[in-house]
Amino acid sequence: VRKAAAQTLGRVGSSEAGDAVARLLTDPVPYVRAHAARALGELGRADQADRVAGLLGDGDWWVRLAARESLELMGAEIWPVL
């Protein structure tokens, strides 16, 4: 259910959606964290880049991949964070 919520919030496009999905970055379930990272990338939430970048060291490869792809979607403005 949390994974589906992250996917849906990623498509909503409001700042409230981004704030809600950012809380899922610390979920205990890896695929929920992965979908949360992807949703933030889809929303272009560069303000959350530091939190997404933290997932680059996650123990799950799928979460790391989602974090990398999300950061790529956020664009060059996040380079100072990295």
C-alpha atoms as a PDB file:
ATOM      1  CA  VAL A   1       0.000   0.000   0.000  1.00  0.00           C
ATOM      2  CA  ARG A   2       2.842   2.431   0.858  1.00  0.00           C
ATOM      3  CA  LYS A   3       4.541   1.635  -2.470  1.00  0.00           C
ATOM      4  CA  ALA A   4       1.332   2.420  -4.355  1.00  0.00           C
ATOM      5  CA  ALA A   5       0.930   5.615  -2.362  1.00  0.00           C
ATOM      6  CA  ALA A   6       4.469   6.704  -3.295  1.00  0.00           C
ATOM      7  CA  GLN A   7       3.792   6.008  -6.979  1.00  0.00           C
ATOM      8  CA  THR A   8       0.533   7.946  -6.912  1.00  0.00           C
ATOM      9  CA  LEU A   9       2.007  10.880  -5.008  1.00  0.00           C
ATOM     10  CA  GLY A  10       4.804  11.053  -7.570  1.00  0.00           C
ATOM     11  CA  ARG A  11       2.216  11.724 -10.230  1.00  0.00           C
ATOM     12  CA  VAL A  12       0.110  14.213  -8.261  1.00  0.00           C
ATOM     13  CA  GLY A  13       2.628  17.022  -8.597  1.00  0.00           C
ATOM     14  CA  SER A  14       1.861  19.160  -5.551  1.00  0.00           C
ATOM     15  CA  SER A  15       4.288  20.250  -2.869  1.00  0.00           C
ATOM     16  CA  GLU A  16       2.179  18.420  -0.283  1.00  0.00           C
ATOM     17  CA  ALA A  17       2.612  15.222  -2.295  1.00  0.00           C
ATOM     18  CA  GLY A  18       6.383  15.664  -2.270  1.00  0.00           C
ATOM     19  CA  ASP A  19       6.422  16.265   1.466  1.00  0.00           C
ATOM     20  CA  ALA A  20       4.354  13.141   2.074  1.00  0.00           C
ATOM     21  CA  VAL A  21       6.470  10.921  -0.154  1.00  0.00           C
ATOM     22  CA  ALA A  22       9.715  12.232   1.389  1.00  0.00           C
ATOM     23  CA  ARG A  23       8.672  10.628   4.664  1.00  0.00           C
ATOM     24  CA  LEU A  24       8.728   7.249   2.911  1.00  0.00           C
ATOM     25  CA  LEU A  25      12.473   7.516   2.210  1.00  0.00           C
ATOM     26  CA  THR A  26      13.097   5.981   5.634  1.00  0.00           C
ATOM     27  CA  ASP A  27      10.542   3.187   5.333  1.00  0.00           C
ATOM     28  CA  PRO A  28      11.815  -0.195   6.566  1.00  0.00           C
ATOM     29  CA  VAL A  29      10.798  -1.888   3.289  1.00  0.00           C
ATOM     30  CA  PRO A  30      13.336  -1.434   0.451  1.00  0.00           C
ATOM     31  CA  TYR A  31      10.870  -1.272  -2.433  1.00  0.00           C
ATOM     32  CA  VAL A  32       8.923   1.462  -0.647  1.00  0.00           C
ATOM     33  CA  ARG A  33      12.125   3.522  -0.264  1.00  0.00           C
ATOM     34  CA  ALA A  34      12.909   2.919  -3.941  1.00  0.00           C
ATOM     35  CA  HIS A  35       9.503   4.088  -5.108  1.00  0.00           C
ATOM     36  CA  ALA A  36       9.678   7.102  -2.799  1.00  0.00           C
ATOM     37  CA  ALA A  37      13.003   8.107  -4.344  1.00  0.00           C
ATOM     38  CA  ARG A  38      11.605   7.675  -7.855  1.00  0.00           C
ATOM     39  CA  ALA A  39       8.529   9.738  -6.981  1.00  0.00           C
ATOM     40  CA  LEU A  40      10.680  12.613  -5.726  1.00  0.00           C
ATOM     41  CA  GLY A  41      12.629  12.505  -8.978  1.00  0.00           C
ATOM     42  CA  GLU A  42       9.421  12.581 -11.001  1.00  0.00           C
ATOM     43  CA  LEU A  43       8.258  15.545  -8.941  1.00  0.00           C
ATOM     44  CA  GLY A  44      11.577  17.314  -9.513  1.00  0.00           C
ATOM     45  CA  ARG A  45      12.014  17.865  -5.790  1.00  0.00           C
ATOM     46  CA  ALA A  46      15.638  19.039  -5.849  1.00  0.00           C
ATOM     47  CA  ASP A  47      15.124  20.317  -2.303  1.00  0.00           C
ATOM     48  CA  GLN A  48      15.069  16.655  -1.229  1.00  0.00           C
ATOM     49  CA  ALA A  49      18.252  15.750  -3.126  1.00  0.00           C
ATOM     50  CA  ASP A  50      20.311  15.425   0.041  1.00  0.00           C
ATOM     51  CA  ARG A  51      17.881  12.885   1.481  1.00  0.00           C
ATOM     52  CA  VAL A  52      17.738  10.947  -1.797  1.00  0.00           C
ATOM     53  CA  ALA A  53      21.542  11.046  -2.045  1.00  0.00           C
ATOM     54  CA  GLY A  54      21.650   9.361   1.355  1.00  0.00           C
ATOM     55  CA  LEU A  55      20.032   6.334  -0.269  1.00  0.00           C
ATOM     56  CA  LEU A  56      23.053   5.863  -2.537  1.00  0.00           C
ATOM     57  CA  GLY A  57      24.569   3.963   0.388  1.00  0.00           C
ATOM     58  CA  ASP A  58      21.482   1.840   1.057  1.00  0.00           C
ATOM     59  CA  GLY A  59      22.009  -1.882   1.577  1.00  0.00           C
ATOM     60  CA  ASP A  60      19.556  -2.770  -1.190  1.00  0.00           C
ATOM     61  CA  TRP A  61      20.743  -2.427  -4.796  1.00  0.00           C
ATOM     62  CA  TRP A  62      17.265  -1.525  -6.040  1.00  0.00           C
ATOM     63  CA  VAL A  63      17.095   1.436  -3.658  1.00  0.00           C
ATOM     64  CA  ARG A  64      20.552   2.601  -4.769  1.00  0.00           C
ATOM     65  CA  LEU A  65      19.505   2.390  -8.426  1.00  0.00           C
ATOM     66  CA  ALA A  66      16.277   4.305  -7.772  1.00  0.00           C
ATOM     67  CA  ALA A  67      18.200   6.994  -5.879  1.00  0.00           C
ATOM     68  CA  ARG A  68      20.680   7.422  -8.739  1.00  0.00           C
ATOM     69  CA  GLU A  69      17.921   7.648 -11.346  1.00  0.00           C
ATOM     70  CA  SER A  70      15.967  10.077  -9.183  1.00  0.00           C
ATOM     71  CA  LEU A  71      18.985  12.350  -8.791  1.00  0.00           C
ATOM     72  CA  GLU A  72      19.496  12.286 -12.562  1.00  0.00           C
ATOM     73  CA  LEU A  73      15.898  13.424 -13.056  1.00  0.00           C
ATOM     74  CA  MET A  74      16.420  16.326 -10.655  1.00  0.00           C
ATOM     75  CA  GLY A  75      19.018  17.844 -12.980  1.00  0.00           C
ATOM     76  CA  ALA A  76      22.313  19.643 -12.653  1.00  0.00           C
ATOM     77  CA  GLU A  77      21.146  21.998  -9.920  1.00  0.00           C
ATOM     78  CA  ILE A  78      21.708  19.254  -7.344  1.00  0.00           C
ATOM     79  CA  TRP A  79      25.465  18.951  -7.974  1.00  0.00           C
ATOM     80  CA  PRO A  80      26.359  21.131  -4.962  1.00  0.00           C
ATOM     81  CA  VAL A  81      24.479  18.656  -2.755  1.00  0.00           C
ATOM     82  CA  LEU A  82      26.437  15.739  -4.124  1.00  0.00           C
END
